[in-house]
Amino acid sequence: MVIKNVRYLLAVAATIALAGCGDHQPGDATGSKVLSNIIQKNGVGAKIVSFKKVQGREVKHGNTEAFELMYEAEIMFPEGYEAKCHDEKERGICAFLSVNEDRTFAKSEVTTSEGTLHFVKSDKGWVAEDNNAY
């Protein structure tokens, strides 16, 4: 009788777990990957030391479903990275690094970045600012 109940509970737990698959919202691992891709695509060469989703919210614009992931990250820079941010007028690498002025980072210097990553829901999953689907 006990084994029968355990099997039933395992089957119910598996069904509940599978019901949530495929429609999950982006979390820490996804956000870290997206931020890392953006940093690498911009030639920064920095590494993400830590990444934490602080908050997330779904946004709907007409028929488009979007998700905003607010984060805090610690980013370690390679030697002598020069961030040219003073004249950045559009959302670029400086926004992702939370730097708003020209600055040179020392080797292995770690800075804290706070920001928001944007995702749009598609038939492939959540498409992020790095143009990849998750």
Protein backbone atom coordinates (compact mmCIF):
# COMPACT_ATOMS: atom_id res chain seq x y z
CA MET A 1 0.00 0.00 0.00
CA VAL A 2 2.83 2.42 0.88
CA ILE A 3 4.67 1.66 -2.37
CA LYS A 4 1.48 2.28 -4.35
CA ASN A 5 1.02 5.69 -2.66
CA VAL A 6 4.67 6.61 -3.27
CA ARG A 7 4.35 5.74 -6.96
CA TYR A 8 1.18 7.82 -7.21
CA LEU A 9 2.85 10.81 -5.54
CA LEU A 10 5.88 10.51 -7.82
CA ALA A 11 3.62 10.41 -10.88
CA VAL A 12 1.75 13.53 -9.70
CA ALA A 13 5.02 15.34 -8.96
CA ALA A 14 6.42 14.46 -12.40
CA THR A 15 3.24 15.69 -14.10
CA ILE A 16 3.38 19.00 -12.25
CA ALA A 17 7.07 19.41 -13.05
CA LEU A 18 6.56 18.69 -16.75
CA ALA A 19 3.57 21.04 -16.96
CA GLY A 20 5.88 23.95 -16.19
CA CYS A 21 8.46 23.02 -18.84
CA GLY A 22 8.77 25.07 -21.99
CA ASP A 23 7.06 28.19 -20.68
CA HIS A 24 9.52 29.21 -18.00
CA GLN A 25 10.66 32.78 -17.57
CA PRO A 26 14.33 33.66 -17.93
CA GLY A 27 16.29 33.35 -14.68
CA ASP A 28 19.82 33.67 -13.33
CA ALA A 29 21.51 31.21 -15.71
CA THR A 30 19.83 32.67 -18.80
CA GLY A 31 20.47 36.26 -17.74
CA SER A 32 24.13 35.52 -17.04
CA LYS A 33 24.53 33.88 -20.46
CA VAL A 34 22.87 36.81 -22.25
CA LEU A 35 24.99 39.40 -20.43
CA SER A 36 28.14 37.38 -21.11
CA ASN A 37 27.27 37.15 -24.82
CA ILE A 38 26.66 40.90 -25.03
CA ILE A 39 29.95 41.65 -23.29
CA GLN A 40 31.88 39.29 -25.58
CA LYS A 41 30.17 40.57 -28.77
CA ASN A 42 31.29 44.09 -27.84
CA GLY A 43 34.92 42.98 -27.47
CA VAL A 44 35.18 43.69 -23.76
CA GLY A 45 36.74 40.36 -22.78
CA ALA A 46 35.42 40.64 -19.20
CA LYS A 47 34.06 37.72 -17.17
CA ILE A 48 30.91 37.60 -15.08
CA VAL A 49 31.89 36.70 -11.53
CA SER A 50 28.33 36.59 -10.20
CA PHE A 51 24.84 37.21 -11.56
CA LYS A 52 21.57 37.47 -9.70
CA LYS A 53 18.07 38.12 -10.99
CA VAL A 54 16.69 40.79 -8.67
CA GLN A 55 13.25 41.06 -10.19
CA GLY A 56 11.38 40.14 -13.34
CA ARG A 57 8.15 41.20 -14.92
CA GLU A 58 6.09 40.25 -17.91
CA VAL A 59 5.10 43.04 -20.26
CA LYS A 60 2.56 42.89 -23.06
CA HIS A 61 2.58 45.29 -26.02
CA GLY A 62 -0.34 44.45 -28.29
CA ASN A 63 0.21 40.84 -29.36
CA THR A 64 3.84 40.84 -28.26
CA GLU A 65 4.77 39.25 -24.96
CA ALA A 66 7.98 40.49 -23.38
CA PHE A 67 9.90 39.93 -20.17
CA GLU A 68 12.18 42.32 -18.32
CA LEU A 69 14.83 40.77 -16.09
CA MET A 70 16.38 43.18 -13.59
CA TYR A 71 19.80 42.01 -12.41
CA GLU A 72 22.86 42.66 -10.31
CA ALA A 73 26.15 41.31 -11.60
CA GLU A 74 29.80 41.47 -10.68
CA ILE A 75 32.04 41.79 -13.73
CA MET A 76 35.83 41.27 -13.75
CA PHE A 77 37.79 43.13 -16.42
CA PRO A 78 40.94 42.24 -18.31
CA GLU A 79 43.97 44.46 -17.90
CA GLY A 80 43.57 48.01 -19.11
CA TYR A 81 40.06 47.80 -20.54
CA GLU A 82 39.03 51.30 -21.58
CA ALA A 83 35.31 52.00 -21.44
CA LYS A 84 34.43 54.88 -23.76
CA CYS A 85 31.05 55.81 -22.32
CA HIS A 86 30.88 59.59 -22.14
CA ASP A 87 29.39 59.98 -25.63
CA GLU A 88 27.26 56.82 -25.70
CA LYS A 89 23.84 58.03 -26.83
CA GLU A 90 22.05 54.72 -27.41
CA ARG A 91 21.80 51.71 -25.12
CA GLY A 92 25.17 50.11 -25.66
CA ILE A 93 27.82 48.20 -23.74
CA CYS A 94 28.21 50.97 -21.16
CA ALA A 95 24.57 50.57 -20.11
CA PHE A 96 25.15 46.85 -19.52
CA LEU A 97 28.31 47.61 -17.52
CA SER A 98 26.59 50.40 -15.51
CA VAL A 99 29.32 52.84 -16.53
CA ASN A 100 28.34 56.35 -17.60
CA GLU A 101 31.71 58.02 -18.11
CA ASP A 102 35.02 57.20 -19.78
CA ARG A 103 37.00 54.91 -17.52
CA THR A 104 39.98 52.53 -17.59
CA PHE A 105 39.73 49.35 -15.52
CA ALA A 106 42.75 47.77 -13.85
CA LYS A 107 43.58 44.08 -14.39
CA SER A 108 41.12 41.86 -12.49
CA GLU A 109 39.14 44.87 -11.28
CA VAL A 110 35.59 43.90 -10.36
CA THR A 111 32.68 46.28 -10.73
CA THR A 112 29.02 45.85 -9.83
CA SER A 113 26.55 46.28 -12.64
CA GLU A 114 22.81 46.75 -12.23
CA GLY A 115 20.55 46.73 -15.22
CA THR A 116 17.69 45.22 -17.16
CA LEU A 117 17.75 42.59 -19.88
CA HIS A 118 14.84 42.44 -22.32
CA PHE A 119 13.32 39.30 -23.82
CA VAL A 120 10.56 38.85 -26.41
CA LYS A 121 8.50 35.67 -26.54
CA SER A 122 8.64 33.77 -29.83
CA ASP A 123 7.82 30.27 -31.04
CA LYS A 124 11.49 29.40 -30.32
CA GLY A 125 11.32 30.60 -26.69
CA TRP A 126 12.42 33.89 -25.17
CA VAL A 127 14.60 35.87 -27.61
CA ALA A 128 17.07 38.08 -25.76
CA GLU A 129 19.08 41.16 -26.64
CA ASP A 130 21.94 38.93 -27.77
CA ASN A 131 19.56 37.69 -30.53
CA ASN A 132 19.53 34.13 -29.16
CA ALA A 133 16.43 32.17 -28.12
CA TYR A 134 16.31 30.59 -24.65
